[in-house]
C-alpha atoms as a PDB file:
ATOM      1  CA  UNK A   1       0.250   0.343  -0.381  1.00  0.00           C
ATOM      2  CA  UNK A   2       2.391   2.257   0.731  1.00  0.00           C
ATOM      3  CA  UNK A   3       3.793   2.438  -2.676  1.00  0.00           C
ATOM      4  CA  UNK A   4       0.335   3.306  -3.848  1.00  0.00           C
ATOM      5  CA  UNK A   5      -0.101   5.789  -1.769  1.00  0.00           C
ATOM      6  CA  UNK A   6       3.782   7.063  -3.482  1.00  0.00           C
ATOM      7  CA  UNK A   7       2.231   7.511  -6.481  1.00  0.00           C
ATOM      8  CA  UNK A   8      -0.363   9.083  -5.596  1.00  0.00           C
ATOM      9  CA  UNK A   9       1.647  11.772  -4.169  1.00  0.00           C
ATOM     10  CA  UNK A  10       3.470  12.661  -6.895  1.00  0.00           C
ATOM     11  CA  UNK A  11       0.685  12.029  -9.847  1.00  0.00           C
ATOM     12  CA  UNK A  12      -2.559  13.201  -8.098  1.00  0.00           C
ATOM     13  CA  UNK A  13      -5.407  13.282  -5.134  1.00  0.00           C
ATOM     14  CA  UNK A  14      -4.362  11.406  -2.157  1.00  0.00           C
ATOM     15  CA  UNK A  15      -7.305   8.830  -1.295  1.00  0.00           C
ATOM     16  CA  UNK A  16      -7.755  11.551   1.617  1.00  0.00           C
ATOM     17  CA  UNK A  17      -8.146  14.318  -1.052  1.00  0.00           C
ATOM     18  CA  UNK A  18     -10.829  12.457  -3.528  1.00  0.00           C
ATOM     19  CA  UNK A  19     -12.972  11.652  -0.929  1.00  0.00           C
ATOM     20  CA  UNK A  20     -13.167  15.512   0.396  1.00  0.00           C
ATOM     21  CA  UNK A  21     -13.760  16.322  -2.917  1.00  0.00           C
ATOM     22  CA  UNK A  22     -16.202  13.644  -3.642  1.00  0.00           C
ATOM     23  CA  UNK A  23     -18.145  15.348  -0.422  1.00  0.00           C
ATOM     24  CA  UNK A  24     -18.095  18.694  -2.181  1.00  0.00           C
ATOM     25  CA  UNK A  25     -19.263  17.306  -5.647  1.00  0.00           C
ATOM     26  CA  UNK A  26     -22.156  15.797  -3.777  1.00  0.00           C
ATOM     27  CA  UNK A  27     -23.371  18.714  -1.622  1.00  0.00           C
ATOM     28  CA  UNK A  28     -23.529  20.400  -5.183  1.00  0.00           C
ATOM     29  CA  UNK A  29     -25.062  18.185  -7.195  1.00  0.00           C
ATOM     30  CA  UNK A  30     -27.660  18.182  -4.563  1.00  0.00           C
ATOM     31  CA  UNK A  31     -28.458  21.777  -4.566  1.00  0.00           C
ATOM     32  CA  UNK A  32     -28.850  21.745  -8.444  1.00  0.00           C
ATOM     33  CA  UNK A  33     -31.064  18.832  -9.336  1.00  0.00           C
ATOM     34  CA  UNK A  34     -33.227  20.142 -12.112  1.00  0.00           C
ATOM     35  CA  UNK A  35     -36.320  18.128 -10.778  1.00  0.00           C
ATOM     36  CA  UNK A  36     -39.415  20.219  -9.584  1.00  0.00           C
ATOM     37  CA  UNK A  37     -41.627  17.555  -7.869  1.00  0.00           C
ATOM     38  CA  UNK A  38     -40.631  17.692  -4.327  1.00  0.00           C
ATOM     39  CA  UNK A  39     -41.350  14.241  -3.558  1.00  0.00           C
ATOM     40  CA  UNK A  40     -39.352  12.868  -7.094  1.00  0.00           C
ATOM     41  CA  UNK A  41     -36.381  15.340  -5.949  1.00  0.00           C
ATOM     42  CA  UNK A  42     -36.368  13.734  -2.719  1.00  0.00           C
ATOM     43  CA  UNK A  43     -36.110   9.983  -3.580  1.00  0.00           C
ATOM     44  CA  UNK A  44     -33.541  11.451  -6.518  1.00  0.00           C
ATOM     45  CA  UNK A  45     -31.378  13.026  -3.741  1.00  0.00           C
ATOM     46  CA  UNK A  46     -31.305   9.607  -1.738  1.00  0.00           C
ATOM     47  CA  UNK A  47     -29.831   7.621  -5.006  1.00  0.00           C
ATOM     48  CA  UNK A  48     -27.258  10.351  -5.191  1.00  0.00           C
ATOM     49  CA  UNK A  49     -26.238   9.997  -1.962  1.00  0.00           C
ATOM     50  CA  UNK A  50     -27.150   6.122  -2.042  1.00  0.00           C
ATOM     51  CA  UNK A  51     -24.709   5.710  -5.112  1.00  0.00           C
ATOM     52  CA  UNK A  52     -22.139   8.182  -3.746  1.00  0.00           C
ATOM     53  CA  UNK A  53     -21.502   6.170  -1.188  1.00  0.00           C
ATOM     54  CA  UNK A  54     -21.355   2.765  -3.032  1.00  0.00           C
ATOM     55  CA  UNK A  55     -18.636   5.243  -5.275  1.00  0.00           C
ATOM     56  CA  UNK A  56     -16.559   5.626  -2.070  1.00  0.00           C
ATOM     57  CA  UNK A  57     -16.750   1.840  -1.121  1.00  0.00           C
ATOM     58  CA  UNK A  58     -15.802   1.067  -4.181  1.00  0.00           C
ATOM     59  CA  UNK A  59     -12.579   3.101  -4.640  1.00  0.00           C
ATOM     60  CA  UNK A  60     -11.366   2.403  -1.422  1.00  0.00           C
ATOM     61  CA  UNK A  61     -12.071  -1.725  -2.014  1.00  0.00           C
ATOM     62  CA  UNK A  62     -10.095  -0.896  -4.993  1.00  0.00           C
ATOM     63  CA  UNK A  63      -7.273   0.968  -3.312  1.00  0.00           C
ATOM     64  CA  UNK A  64      -6.617  -1.936  -0.879  1.00  0.00           C
ATOM     65  CA  UNK A  65      -6.765  -3.899  -4.119  1.00  0.00           C
ATOM     66  CA  UNK A  66      -4.242  -2.415  -5.958  1.00  0.00           C
ATOM     67  CA  UNK A  67      -6.154  -0.020  -7.861  1.00  0.00           C
ATOM     68  CA  UNK A  68      -8.631  -2.815  -9.113  1.00  0.00           C
ATOM     69  CA  UNK A  69     -12.466  -2.456  -8.848  1.00  0.00           C
ATOM     70  CA  UNK A  70     -13.428  -6.382  -7.709  1.00  0.00           C
ATOM     71  CA  UNK A  71     -14.978  -7.749 -10.397  1.00  0.00           C
ATOM     72  CA  UNK A  72     -11.558  -8.003 -11.936  1.00  0.00           C
ATOM     73  CA  UNK A  73      -9.982  -9.604  -8.777  1.00  0.00           C
ATOM     74  CA  UNK A  74     -10.406 -13.233  -8.519  1.00  0.00           C
ATOM     75  CA  UNK A  75     -12.187 -14.660  -5.650  1.00  0.00           C
ATOM     76  CA  UNK A  76      -9.669 -16.260  -4.192  1.00  0.00           C
ATOM     77  CA  UNK A  77      -8.084 -13.174  -3.670  1.00  0.00           C
ATOM     78  CA  UNK A  78     -11.250 -11.401  -2.302  1.00  0.00           C
ATOM     79  CA  UNK A  79     -12.868 -10.225  -5.578  1.00  0.00           C
ATOM     80  CA  UNK A  80     -15.622 -11.498  -7.252  1.00  0.00           C
ATOM     81  CA  UNK A  81     -14.441 -12.120 -10.729  1.00  0.00           C
ATOM     82  CA  UNK A  82     -15.860 -15.393 -10.671  1.00  0.00           C
ATOM     83  CA  UNK A  83     -19.354 -13.846 -10.470  1.00  0.00           C
ATOM     84  CA  UNK A  84     -18.923 -11.553 -13.466  1.00  0.00           C
ATOM     85  CA  UNK A  85     -20.296 -14.656 -16.009  1.00  0.00           C
ATOM     86  CA  UNK A  86     -23.384 -14.641 -14.428  1.00  0.00           C
ATOM     87  CA  UNK A  87     -24.566 -11.360 -14.088  1.00  0.00           C
ATOM     88  CA  UNK A  88     -25.073 -11.494 -10.622  1.00  0.00           C
ATOM     89  CA  UNK A  89     -25.213  -8.147  -9.113  1.00  0.00           C
ATOM     90  CA  UNK A  90     -25.250  -8.736  -5.306  1.00  0.00           C
ATOM     91  CA  UNK A  91     -22.202 -10.298  -4.695  1.00  0.00           C
ATOM     92  CA  UNK A  92     -20.428  -7.227  -6.211  1.00  0.00           C
ATOM     93  CA  UNK A  93     -21.647  -4.618  -3.555  1.00  0.00           C
ATOM     94  CA  UNK A  94     -21.167  -7.515  -0.657  1.00  0.00           C
ATOM     95  CA  UNK A  95     -17.609  -7.488  -0.593  1.00  0.00           C
ATOM     96  CA  UNK A  96     -17.981  -3.238   0.537  1.00  0.00           C
ATOM     97  CA  UNK A  97     -19.115  -4.585   4.062  1.00  0.00           C
ATOM     98  CA  UNK A  98     -15.927  -3.255   5.628  1.00  0.00           C
ATOM     99  CA  UNK A  99     -16.038   0.220   3.852  1.00  0.00           C
ATOM    100  CA  UNK A 100     -18.587   2.213   5.744  1.00  0.00           C
ATOM    101  CA  UNK A 101     -20.929   1.090   4.236  1.00  0.00           C
ATOM    102  CA  UNK A 102     -24.996  -0.236   5.248  1.00  0.00           C
ATOM    103  CA  UNK A 103     -27.468  -2.893   3.495  1.00  0.00           C
ATOM    104  CA  UNK A 104     -30.423   0.182   3.377  1.00  0.00           C
ATOM    105  CA  UNK A 105     -27.866   2.591   1.158  1.00  0.00           C
ATOM    106  CA  UNK A 106     -28.032   0.155  -1.454  1.00  0.00           C
ATOM    107  CA  UNK A 107     -32.289   0.251  -1.665  1.00  0.00           C
ATOM    108  CA  UNK A 108     -34.285   3.196  -3.574  1.00  0.00           C
ATOM    109  CA  UNK A 109     -36.599   4.719  -1.549  1.00  0.00           C
ATOM    110  CA  UNK A 110     -39.105   4.262  -4.763  1.00  0.00           C
ATOM    111  CA  UNK A 111     -38.368   0.462  -5.457  1.00  0.00           C
ATOM    112  CA  UNK A 112     -41.116  -1.877  -3.899  1.00  0.00           C
ATOM    113  CA  UNK A 113     -40.300  -4.253  -5.275  1.00  0.00           C
ATOM    114  CA  UNK A 114     -36.636  -4.290  -2.604  1.00  0.00           C
ATOM    115  CA  UNK A 115     -36.401  -4.633   0.694  1.00  0.00           C
ATOM    116  CA  UNK A 116     -33.513  -3.750   2.661  1.00  0.00           C
ATOM    117  CA  UNK A 117     -30.985  -6.597   3.918  1.00  0.00           C
ATOM    118  CA  UNK A 118     -30.690  -7.499   7.151  1.00  0.00           C
ATOM    119  CA  UNK A 119     -26.947  -8.206   6.761  1.00  0.00           C
ATOM    120  CA  UNK A 120     -24.364  -7.848   4.123  1.00  0.00           C
ATOM    121  CA  UNK A 121     -23.721 -11.567   4.444  1.00  0.00           C
ATOM    122  CA  UNK A 122     -27.720 -12.089   3.356  1.00  0.00           C
ATOM    123  CA  UNK A 123     -27.382  -9.575   0.667  1.00  0.00           C
ATOM    124  CA  UNK A 124     -29.366 -11.191  -2.463  1.00  0.00           C
ATOM    125  CA  UNK A 125     -30.520  -9.267  -5.694  1.00  0.00           C
ATOM    126  CA  UNK A 126     -33.982  -8.987  -4.000  1.00  0.00           C
ATOM    127  CA  UNK A 127     -32.019  -6.230  -1.483  1.00  0.00           C
ATOM    128  CA  UNK A 128     -30.618  -4.021  -3.881  1.00  0.00           C
ATOM    129  CA  UNK A 129     -31.947  -1.543  -6.560  1.00  0.00           C
ATOM    130  CA  UNK A 130     -28.354  -0.357  -8.829  1.00  0.00           C
ATOM    131  CA  UNK A 131     -26.881  -2.616 -11.539  1.00  0.00           C
ATOM    132  CA  UNK A 132     -22.835  -1.828 -11.647  1.00  0.00           C
ATOM    133  CA  UNK A 133     -21.060  -1.714 -14.984  1.00  0.00           C
ATOM    134  CA  UNK A 134     -18.239  -4.707 -14.916  1.00  0.00           C
ATOM    135  CA  UNK A 135     -16.161  -3.034 -17.460  1.00  0.00           C
ATOM    136  CA  UNK A 136     -15.320  -0.129 -14.994  1.00  0.00           C
ATOM    137  CA  UNK A 137     -11.750   0.628 -14.325  1.00  0.00           C
ATOM    138  CA  UNK A 138      -9.607   3.246 -12.116  1.00  0.00           C
ATOM    139  CA  UNK A 139      -7.806   4.043 -15.084  1.00  0.00           C
ATOM    140  CA  UNK A 140     -10.911   5.631 -17.127  1.00  0.00           C
ATOM    141  CA  UNK A 141     -12.547   8.484 -15.284  1.00  0.00           C
ATOM    142  CA  UNK A 142     -15.618   8.579 -17.446  1.00  0.00           C
ATOM    143  CA  UNK A 143     -17.066   5.627 -16.907  1.00  0.00           C
ATOM    144  CA  UNK A 144     -20.109   4.649 -15.401  1.00  0.00           C
ATOM    145  CA  UNK A 145     -19.707   2.489 -12.328  1.00  0.00           C
ATOM    146  CA  UNK A 146     -23.151   2.121 -11.319  1.00  0.00           C
ATOM    147  CA  UNK A 147     -26.794   3.340 -11.659  1.00  0.00           C
ATOM    148  CA  UNK A 148     -30.757   2.752 -11.011  1.00  0.00           C
ATOM    149  CA  UNK A 149     -31.880  -0.597 -11.988  1.00  0.00           C
ATOM    150  CA  UNK A 150     -34.738   0.455 -13.987  1.00  0.00           C
ATOM    151  CA  UNK A 151     -33.437   0.000 -17.992  1.00  0.00           C
ATOM    152  CA  UNK A 152     -34.648  -0.345 -20.758  1.00  0.00           C
ATOM    153  CA  UNK A 153     -32.954  -1.197 -23.846  1.00  0.00           C
ATOM    154  CA  UNK A 154     -34.966  -1.123 -27.693  1.00  0.00           C
ATOM    155  CA  UNK A 155     -38.302   0.069 -25.330  1.00  0.00           C
ATOM    156  CA  UNK A 156     -38.055  -3.651 -23.230  1.00  0.00           C
ATOM    157  CA  UNK A 157     -37.160  -3.442 -19.519  1.00  0.00           C
ATOM    158  CA  UNK A 158     -34.067  -5.120 -18.683  1.00  0.00           C
ATOM    159  CA  UNK A 159     -33.995  -8.421 -16.904  1.00  0.00           C
ATOM    160  CA  UNK A 160     -32.001  -9.702 -13.531  1.00  0.00           C
ATOM    161  CA  UNK A 161     -28.539 -11.226 -14.881  1.00  0.00           C
ATOM    162  CA  UNK A 162     -25.914 -10.162 -17.157  1.00  0.00           C
ATOM    163  CA  UNK A 163     -26.747  -6.731 -19.874  1.00  0.00           C
ATOM    164  CA  UNK A 164     -24.619  -6.549 -22.807  1.00  0.00           C
ATOM    165  CA  UNK A 165     -26.519  -4.003 -25.184  1.00  0.00           C
ATOM    166  CA  UNK A 166     -25.537  -3.635 -28.476  1.00  0.00           C
ATOM    167  CA  UNK A 167     -23.549  -0.509 -29.749  1.00  0.00           C
ATOM    168  CA  UNK A 168     -26.766   0.440 -31.339  1.00  0.00           C
ATOM    169  CA  UNK A 169     -29.396  -0.366 -28.518  1.00  0.00           C
ATOM    170  CA  UNK A 170     -31.409   2.689 -27.730  1.00  0.00           C
ATOM    171  CA  UNK A 171     -31.423   2.717 -23.996  1.00  0.00           C
ATOM    172  CA  UNK A 172     -33.387   4.338 -21.648  1.00  0.00           C
ATOM    173  CA  UNK A 173     -35.386   4.740 -18.463  1.00  0.00           C
ATOM    174  CA  UNK A 174     -38.601   2.843 -17.347  1.00  0.00           C
ATOM    175  CA  UNK A 175     -41.034   4.264 -15.511  1.00  0.00           C
ATOM    176  CA  UNK A 176     -40.574   2.002 -12.707  1.00  0.00           C
ATOM    177  CA  UNK A 177     -38.752   4.041 -10.368  1.00  0.00           C
ATOM    178  CA  UNK A 178     -38.577   7.812  -9.268  1.00  0.00           C
ATOM    179  CA  UNK A 179     -40.732   8.876 -12.961  1.00  0.00           C
ATOM    180  CA  UNK A 180     -43.977   8.062 -11.509  1.00  0.00           C
ATOM    181  CA  UNK A 181     -44.485  11.609 -11.243  1.00  0.00           C
ATOM    182  CA  UNK A 182     -42.571  13.403 -13.116  1.00  0.00           C
ATOM    183  CA  UNK A 183     -42.640  14.986 -17.029  1.00  0.00           C
ATOM    184  CA  UNK A 184     -39.988  12.131 -18.463  1.00  0.00           C
ATOM    185  CA  UNK A 185     -38.314   9.450 -17.041  1.00  0.00           C
ATOM    186  CA  UNK A 186     -35.189   9.780 -14.957  1.00  0.00           C
ATOM    187  CA  UNK A 187     -32.766   7.711 -13.163  1.00  0.00           C
ATOM    188  CA  UNK A 188     -29.167   8.224 -11.044  1.00  0.00           C
ATOM    189  CA  UNK A 189     -25.910   6.996 -12.703  1.00  0.00           C
ATOM    190  CA  UNK A 190     -22.951   7.161 -10.707  1.00  0.00           C
ATOM    191  CA  UNK A 191     -19.643   7.641 -12.637  1.00  0.00           C
ATOM    192  CA  UNK A 192     -16.226   6.227 -11.327  1.00  0.00           C
ATOM    193  CA  UNK A 193     -14.996  10.391 -11.526  1.00  0.00           C
ATOM    194  CA  UNK A 194     -16.659  10.565  -8.305  1.00  0.00           C
ATOM    195  CA  UNK A 195     -19.769  12.158  -8.817  1.00  0.00           C
ATOM    196  CA  UNK A 196     -23.579  10.947  -9.928  1.00  0.00           C
ATOM    197  CA  UNK A 197     -25.902  12.825 -11.261  1.00  0.00           C
ATOM    198  CA  UNK A 198     -29.656  12.577 -12.401  1.00  0.00           C
ATOM    199  CA  UNK A 199     -30.264  11.551 -15.919  1.00  0.00           C
ATOM    200  CA  UNK A 200     -33.358  12.030 -17.709  1.00  0.00           C
ATOM    201  CA  UNK A 201     -35.146  10.427 -20.824  1.00  0.00           C
ATOM    202  CA  UNK A 202     -32.458   8.533 -22.531  1.00  0.00           C
ATOM    203  CA  UNK A 203     -29.742   7.018 -21.779  1.00  0.00           C
ATOM    204  CA  UNK A 204     -28.222   6.451 -25.610  1.00  0.00           C
ATOM    205  CA  UNK A 205     -25.481   9.328 -25.262  1.00  0.00           C
ATOM    206  CA  UNK A 206     -23.978   8.387 -21.700  1.00  0.00           C
ATOM    207  CA  UNK A 207     -23.278   5.085 -23.558  1.00  0.00           C
ATOM    208  CA  UNK A 208     -21.897   6.166 -26.327  1.00  0.00           C
ATOM    209  CA  UNK A 209     -19.764   8.762 -24.405  1.00  0.00           C
ATOM    210  CA  UNK A 210     -17.646   5.950 -22.662  1.00  0.00           C
ATOM    211  CA  UNK A 211     -16.006   5.260 -26.179  1.00  0.00           C
ATOM    212  CA  UNK A 212     -15.901   1.290 -25.057  1.00  0.00           C
ATOM    213  CA  UNK A 213     -16.128  -1.289 -27.194  1.00  0.00           C
ATOM    214  CA  UNK A 214     -18.626  -3.144 -25.004  1.00  0.00           C
ATOM    215  CA  UNK A 215     -20.783  -2.457 -22.251  1.00  0.00           C
ATOM    216  CA  UNK A 216     -21.654  -5.536 -19.217  1.00  0.00           C
ATOM    217  CA  UNK A 217     -24.118  -4.350 -16.699  1.00  0.00           C
ATOM    218  CA  UNK A 218     -24.804  -6.586 -13.511  1.00  0.00           C
ATOM    219  CA  UNK A 219     -28.806  -5.953 -13.404  1.00  0.00           C
ATOM    220  CA  UNK A 220     -30.248  -6.819  -9.754  1.00  0.00           C
END
C-alpha cells in the first residue's frame, strides 16, 4: 500500500483528498438537481447519496487491492471475478461491507420490489436497486460505475442478470423508479470520476460517450 500512496502523492490526489472532493461534489449536485416535483426530488437526492456512498466504498476497496475493482479480482483473492459471467449483481456489493456501507444504502426509496437486507452476508438481488458496470476500471474517469436498475433497451425493460447492449441499442429508463410523478423518465448514474447525477430520458448518449467496445452490466 505504501507504493500506491507514493504514486498518488507524485501524480494526483491522495485517497483522502479524493474523498473530500467527492463530498463537495455531492453537496453541489444535491443543490442543482433540475427536478421540480418535491417528492421526486427527494428520492432522486437519496439515490444520488446512496450511489455516492457506493462509489466511495468501491474506491476504498480498489485502493486496498492494487487499484482494481472487485469484478476484476479473482474470488480466491477477495474479489468477485468468478461471479461476473452470470451477471449476479449482489456479490459485487457484498464485498463492500467493511467500507462504511450499510445495506439500506443499496435500496432506492421508490423501489417497492426490494427490501433492505438484514446483513451483508444475507445480501441478494432482492435487496439491491442498483446495477454495476463490469467494464469499469480505475484508469478511466468517464465510465459509468453504477446506476438505478430500471433500464430498458429498445423499449423493453431489462431483466435481472448480465446485460450486454449492442452498440446501436436505444437505452433508456422505464418509469418504475422516480419518474412515476415526473414529466419524463429519469434515474441516477454514478461514474468512476466520483460524481453521481440525475439523468433524464434516453441514456444512449451517456453510454456512447464512454467509447467502450462493449458494456457489461450486472442487473439485480
